[in-house]
Structure formats: structure tokens, C-alpha cells
C-alpha atoms as a PDB file:
ATOM      1  CA  MET A   1       0.000   0.000   0.000  1.00  0.00           C
ATOM      2  CA  PRO A   2       1.603   3.298  -1.065  1.00  0.00           C
ATOM      3  CA  SER A   3       2.072   5.887   1.645  1.00  0.00           C
ATOM      4  CA  HIS A   4       0.835   9.394   1.056  1.00  0.00           C
ATOM      5  CA  ALA A   5       2.616  12.557   2.079  1.00  0.00           C
ATOM      6  CA  GLN A   6       0.954  13.974   5.131  1.00  0.00           C
ATOM      7  CA  GLU A   7      -0.215  17.548   4.614  1.00  0.00           C
ATOM      8  CA  LEU A   8       0.985  19.982   7.228  1.00  0.00           C
ATOM      9  CA  ALA A   9      -0.361  23.519   7.377  1.00  0.00           C
ATOM     10  CA  LEU A  10      -0.597  26.475   9.705  1.00  0.00           C
ATOM     11  CA  GLN A  11      -4.220  27.417  10.262  1.00  0.00           C
ATOM     12  CA  PRO A  12      -6.206  29.910  12.305  1.00  0.00           C
ATOM     13  CA  LEU A  13      -7.295  28.662  15.702  1.00  0.00           C
ATOM     14  CA  THR A  14     -10.803  28.964  17.074  1.00  0.00           C
ATOM     15  CA  VAL A  15     -11.935  29.418  20.645  1.00  0.00           C
ATOM     16  CA  GLU A  16     -12.881  25.722  20.614  1.00  0.00           C
ATOM     17  CA  ASP A  17      -9.160  24.927  20.152  1.00  0.00           C
ATOM     18  CA  ALA A  18      -8.326  26.588  23.495  1.00  0.00           C
ATOM     19  CA  ALA A  19      -9.060  23.328  25.326  1.00  0.00           C
ATOM     20  CA  ALA A  20      -6.427  21.455  23.289  1.00  0.00           C
ATOM     21  CA  LEU A  21      -3.805  24.156  23.880  1.00  0.00           C
ATOM     22  CA  PHE A  22      -4.615  24.140  27.584  1.00  0.00           C
ATOM     23  CA  ARG A  23      -4.415  20.315  27.709  1.00  0.00           C
ATOM     24  CA  TRP A  24      -0.990  20.350  26.027  1.00  0.00           C
ATOM     25  CA  ARG A  25       0.368  23.121  28.248  1.00  0.00           C
ATOM     26  CA  THR A  26      -0.799  21.295  31.398  1.00  0.00           C
ATOM     27  CA  ASN A  27       0.711  17.983  30.252  1.00  0.00           C
ATOM     28  CA  PRO A  28       4.026  17.729  32.141  1.00  0.00           C
ATOM     29  CA  VAL A  29       5.685  15.808  29.296  1.00  0.00           C
ATOM     30  CA  VAL A  30       4.703  18.351  26.628  1.00  0.00           C
ATOM     31  CA  SER A  31       5.329  21.468  28.708  1.00  0.00           C
ATOM     32  CA  ARG A  32       8.452  20.266  30.513  1.00  0.00           C
ATOM     33  CA  TYR A  33      10.776  22.828  28.905  1.00  0.00           C
ATOM     34  CA  LEU A  34       8.403  25.780  28.714  1.00  0.00           C
ATOM     35  CA  PRO A  35       9.540  28.802  30.718  1.00  0.00           C
ATOM     36  CA  SER A  36       6.310  29.497  32.563  1.00  0.00           C
ATOM     37  CA  ALA A  37       3.355  27.782  34.141  1.00  0.00           C
ATOM     38  CA  PRO A  38       0.330  27.452  31.857  1.00  0.00           C
ATOM     39  CA  PRO A  39      -2.225  30.219  32.089  1.00  0.00           C
ATOM     40  CA  PRO A  40      -5.887  29.466  32.856  1.00  0.00           C
ATOM     41  CA  LEU A  41      -8.050  28.047  30.067  1.00  0.00           C
ATOM     42  CA  GLU A  42      -9.793  31.421  29.635  1.00  0.00           C
ATOM     43  CA  ASP A  43      -6.463  33.053  28.778  1.00  0.00           C
ATOM     44  CA  PHE A  44      -5.963  30.633  25.876  1.00  0.00           C
ATOM     45  CA  ALA A  45      -9.329  31.624  24.426  1.00  0.00           C
ATOM     46  CA  GLN A  46      -8.408  35.303  24.770  1.00  0.00           C
ATOM     47  CA  TRP A  47      -4.995  34.699  23.169  1.00  0.00           C
ATOM     48  CA  ILE A  48      -6.674  32.972  20.231  1.00  0.00           C
ATOM     49  CA  ASN A  49      -9.170  35.820  19.782  1.00  0.00           C
ATOM     50  CA  GLU A  50      -6.487  38.500  19.955  1.00  0.00           C
ATOM     51  CA  SER A  51      -4.142  36.806  17.516  1.00  0.00           C
ATOM     52  CA  ALA A  52      -6.548  35.626  14.859  1.00  0.00           C
ATOM     53  CA  SER A  53      -6.845  38.645  12.603  1.00  0.00           C
ATOM     54  CA  GLY A  54      -5.245  39.220   9.221  1.00  0.00           C
ATOM     55  CA  GLU A  55      -1.807  38.450   7.915  1.00  0.00           C
ATOM     56  CA  ARG A  56      -0.081  39.767  11.035  1.00  0.00           C
ATOM     57  CA  TRP A  57      -1.228  36.910  13.260  1.00  0.00           C
ATOM     58  CA  THR A  58       0.758  35.910  16.307  1.00  0.00           C
ATOM     59  CA  LEU A  59      -0.632  32.411  16.848  1.00  0.00           C
ATOM     60  CA  ARG A  60      -1.557  29.602  14.460  1.00  0.00           C
ATOM     61  CA  GLY A  61      -2.430  25.963  14.857  1.00  0.00           C
ATOM     62  CA  ILE A  62      -0.312  23.266  13.263  1.00  0.00           C
ATOM     63  CA  ALA A  63      -2.648  20.950  11.379  1.00  0.00           C
ATOM     64  CA  LEU A  64      -1.625  17.538  10.106  1.00  0.00           C
ATOM     65  CA  ASP A  65      -4.089  16.262   7.523  1.00  0.00           C
ATOM     66  CA  GLY A  66      -6.579  18.729   9.004  1.00  0.00           C
ATOM     67  CA  GLN A  67      -6.098  17.620  12.627  1.00  0.00           C
ATOM     68  CA  LEU A  68      -4.667  20.038  15.189  1.00  0.00           C
ATOM     69  CA  ILE A  69      -1.333  18.723  16.547  1.00  0.00           C
ATOM     70  CA  GLY A  70       0.275  21.847  17.967  1.00  0.00           C
ATOM     71  CA  TYR A  71       0.793  25.550  17.508  1.00  0.00           C
ATOM     72  CA  VAL A  72       3.347  28.158  16.493  1.00  0.00           C
ATOM     73  CA  SER A  73       3.656  31.659  17.862  1.00  0.00           C
ATOM     74  CA  THR A  74       5.246  34.964  16.927  1.00  0.00           C
ATOM     75  CA  GLU A  75       5.470  37.125  20.035  1.00  0.00           C
ATOM     76  CA  GLN A  76       7.176  40.227  21.371  1.00  0.00           C
ATOM     77  CA  VAL A  77       7.170  41.823  17.922  1.00  0.00           C
ATOM     78  CA  ASP A  78       9.372  44.905  17.779  1.00  0.00           C
ATOM     79  CA  PRO A  79       8.045  46.993  14.857  1.00  0.00           C
ATOM     80  CA  ILE A  80      11.087  49.291  14.827  1.00  0.00           C
ATOM     81  CA  ALA A  81      13.820  46.628  14.830  1.00  0.00           C
ATOM     82  CA  ARG A  82      11.467  44.294  12.902  1.00  0.00           C
ATOM     83  CA  MET A  83      12.297  41.386  15.220  1.00  0.00           C
ATOM     84  CA  ALA A  84      10.091  38.872  17.007  1.00  0.00           C
ATOM     85  CA  GLN A  85      10.320  35.813  19.202  1.00  0.00           C
ATOM     86  CA  VAL A  86       9.037  32.566  17.691  1.00  0.00           C
ATOM     87  CA  GLY A  87       8.015  29.290  19.256  1.00  0.00           C
ATOM     88  CA  ILE A  88       6.689  25.880  18.329  1.00  0.00           C
ATOM     89  CA  LEU A  89       4.820  23.321  20.384  1.00  0.00           C
ATOM     90  CA  ILE A  90       3.867  19.887  19.082  1.00  0.00           C
ATOM     91  CA  GLY A  91       1.242  18.825  21.603  1.00  0.00           C
ATOM     92  CA  LYS A  92       1.209  15.117  20.803  1.00  0.00           C
ATOM     93  CA  PRO A  93       4.397  13.351  21.948  1.00  0.00           C
ATOM     94  CA  ASN A  94       3.693  10.368  19.671  1.00  0.00           C
ATOM     95  CA  LEU A  95       4.347  12.742  16.751  1.00  0.00           C
ATOM     96  CA  TRP A  96       7.713  13.992  18.020  1.00  0.00           C
ATOM     97  CA  GLY A  97      10.775  13.150  15.966  1.00  0.00           C
ATOM     98  CA  ARG A  98       8.851  12.781  12.701  1.00  0.00           C
ATOM     99  CA  GLY A  99       9.780  16.120  11.112  1.00  0.00           C
ATOM    100  CA  PHE A 100       6.526  17.968  11.791  1.00  0.00           C
ATOM    101  CA  ALA A 101       8.175  20.664  13.940  1.00  0.00           C
ATOM    102  CA  ARG A 102      10.774  21.225  11.204  1.00  0.00           C
ATOM    103  CA  ARG A 103       8.069  21.622   8.566  1.00  0.00           C
ATOM    104  CA  ALA A 104       6.085  23.949  10.850  1.00  0.00           C
ATOM    105  CA  LEU A 105       9.221  26.014  11.503  1.00  0.00           C
ATOM    106  CA  VAL A 106       9.765  26.493   7.754  1.00  0.00           C
ATOM    107  CA  LEU A 107       6.170  27.737   7.409  1.00  0.00           C
ATOM    108  CA  LEU A 108       6.580  29.988  10.456  1.00  0.00           C
ATOM    109  CA  LEU A 109       9.821  31.500   9.144  1.00  0.00           C
ATOM    110  CA  ASN A 110       8.257  32.077   5.734  1.00  0.00           C
ATOM    111  CA  HIS A 111       5.427  33.958   7.445  1.00  0.00           C
ATOM    112  CA  ALA A 112       7.828  35.970   9.614  1.00  0.00           C
ATOM    113  CA  PHE A 113      10.168  37.019   6.809  1.00  0.00           C
ATOM    114  CA  GLN A 114       8.020  37.068   3.670  1.00  0.00           C
ATOM    115  CA  ILE A 115       4.611  38.170   4.971  1.00  0.00           C
ATOM    116  CA  ARG A 116       5.430  40.160   8.110  1.00  0.00           C
ATOM    117  CA  GLY A 117       8.654  41.559   6.697  1.00  0.00           C
ATOM    118  CA  LEU A 118      10.653  40.870   9.842  1.00  0.00           C
ATOM    119  CA  GLN A 119      14.433  41.211   9.670  1.00  0.00           C
ATOM    120  CA  GLY A 120      15.121  38.612  12.322  1.00  0.00           C
ATOM    121  CA  VAL A 121      13.613  36.205  14.824  1.00  0.00           C
ATOM    122  CA  THR A 122      14.701  34.816  18.158  1.00  0.00           C
ATOM    123  CA  ALA A 123      13.862  31.659  20.061  1.00  0.00           C
ATOM    124  CA  LEU A 124      14.309  31.063  23.795  1.00  0.00           C
ATOM    125  CA  ILE A 125      15.113  27.424  24.562  1.00  0.00           C
ATOM    126  CA  ALA A 126      15.789  25.650  27.850  1.00  0.00           C
ATOM    127  CA  SER A 127      19.380  24.403  27.819  1.00  0.00           C
ATOM    128  CA  GLU A 128      18.199  20.814  28.447  1.00  0.00           C
ATOM    129  CA  ASN A 129      15.790  20.822  25.501  1.00  0.00           C
ATOM    130  CA  GLU A 130      18.058  19.018  23.052  1.00  0.00           C
ATOM    131  CA  ARG A 131      15.317  18.414  20.467  1.00  0.00           C
ATOM    132  CA  SER A 132      14.515  22.120  20.170  1.00  0.00           C
ATOM    133  CA  ILE A 133      18.178  23.082  20.116  1.00  0.00           C
ATOM    134  CA  ARG A 134      18.816  20.670  17.219  1.00  0.00           C
ATOM    135  CA  LEU A 135      15.693  21.885  15.388  1.00  0.00           C
ATOM    136  CA  PHE A 136      16.551  25.580  15.571  1.00  0.00           C
ATOM    137  CA  GLU A 137      20.272  25.084  14.892  1.00  0.00           C
ATOM    138  CA  SER A 138      19.457  22.962  11.826  1.00  0.00           C
ATOM    139  CA  ALA A 139      17.315  25.854  10.548  1.00  0.00           C
ATOM    140  CA  GLY A 140      20.288  28.215  10.788  1.00  0.00           C
ATOM    141  CA  PHE A 141      19.661  29.797  14.190  1.00  0.00           C
ATOM    142  CA  ALA A 142      22.823  30.754  16.088  1.00  0.00           C
ATOM    143  CA  LEU A 143      23.285  30.887  19.830  1.00  0.00           C
ATOM    144  CA  GLU A 144      23.338  34.555  20.814  1.00  0.00           C
ATOM    145  CA  GLY A 145      23.376  34.396  24.583  1.00  0.00           C
ATOM    146  CA  VAL A 146      22.398  32.677  27.810  1.00  0.00           C
ATOM    147  CA  ARG A 147      19.979  33.836  30.467  1.00  0.00           C
ATOM    148  CA  GLU A 148      21.107  32.035  33.587  1.00  0.00           C
ATOM    149  CA  GLU A 149      18.949  30.099  36.016  1.00  0.00           C
ATOM    150  CA  ARG A 150      15.392  30.607  34.928  1.00  0.00           C
ATOM    151  CA  SER A 151      12.407  28.584  36.133  1.00  0.00           C
ATOM    152  CA  PRO A 152      13.176  25.144  37.481  1.00  0.00           C
ATOM    153  CA  ILE A 153      12.790  21.998  35.404  1.00  0.00           C
ATOM    154  CA  ASP A 154      12.278  18.886  37.498  1.00  0.00           C
ATOM    155  CA  GLY A 155      13.279  20.920  40.560  1.00  0.00           C
ATOM    156  CA  THR A 156      16.585  22.093  39.053  1.00  0.00           C
ATOM    157  CA  ARG A 157      17.189  25.641  37.886  1.00  0.00           C
ATOM    158  CA  THR A 158      18.275  25.791  34.272  1.00  0.00           C
ATOM    159  CA  ASP A 159      19.620  28.263  31.753  1.00  0.00           C
ATOM    160  CA  LEU A 160      17.566  29.704  28.929  1.00  0.00           C
ATOM    161  CA  LEU A 161      19.393  29.896  25.598  1.00  0.00           C
ATOM    162  CA  ARG A 162      18.646  32.724  23.184  1.00  0.00           C
ATOM    163  CA  TYR A 163      18.938  31.765  19.523  1.00  0.00           C
ATOM    164  CA  VAL A 164      18.698  34.239  16.655  1.00  0.00           C
ATOM    165  CA  LEU A 165      18.200  34.018  12.905  1.00  0.00           C
ATOM    166  CA  SER A 166      18.374  37.018  10.609  1.00  0.00           C
ATOM    167  CA  ARG A 167      16.506  37.249   7.338  1.00  0.00           C
ATOM    168  CA  SER A 168      19.765  37.393   5.393  1.00  0.00           C
ATOM    169  CA  GLU A 169      20.774  33.983   6.726  1.00  0.00           C
END
């Protein structure tokens, strides 16, 4: 039986998707390396509503064959420097390591550089998050700096690595 290429796309989220985002962010396996505790469910719905408009969105769902599997974000947009912080979360651990985050990152970077006209993007990654470090480095991101001892992971304080990618790279 021939396999088909799975279609991956970034799509607008709806308020109904807030429950999935909340579930992923409260899953200790999925959210292990995230720098903050998950906000209340209501905050996810508000975030979705605030970020849904036009081409300058800040949050999109990652859909695999039409099914929501995660989300990407573009936050802390600096309109003068034309920089922003990007992030990716694949909410289903059984899909990790299959290239979906890489494909979503390509779509996210295309949006950031081609549609939003940003000159650069940053990503903040926990120093223990080897998967994310490999993903962003393979996309051309370079380590720019270290913010020491942020929130604890498994009871141990850890560094937060700041990666940067400029449009020219």
C-alpha cells in the first residue's frame, strides 16, 4: 500500500481549540521545557481571539491532515527593529521526531520574513531541551546568549538559551 505525504499547514485557531492548547500546556511531558506555568483556560481563548486577525497573526495551529497537533507563535514583535520571538509546540508526543516541527518552523519562518517583513527572529530554549536546540540550529539559528537560572525543570534551575536568525541567513 503506497504511503501518502501527510499535509501539514498552519491554520487559524478557534476558541474551541483553546481546550487542546490548555491540555498540552498542562501535560508535564509536553510542557516540561516551557519557561512558565500554563495560564488558565480562559487566557488561551483570549490569546486565540487577539491573535486571529489578518496576515499579522501571532498564533496559528499546526494541522496535520486537518487535525490540530500543535501551535506556532510569533510574540514580542518589535516593529522598529522588525524582530520577534518565535516558538513551536507539538502537543502530541507520539508525533515527536517525525519532522513535523521542522516543517512547521519552515512555514513559520516564511510567514515571519516574507509576509510580516521581519528582519530577524529569536527563540528562547531551555538548555536541556536538546530536540529544540537541534531543530533551531538545523534551521540556521545561532546561539546569541544565555539567560542564567530561569524557572526550574524537574526541581533544578536551568539556563535559557537565546537563539537568533536574521533574514539574510
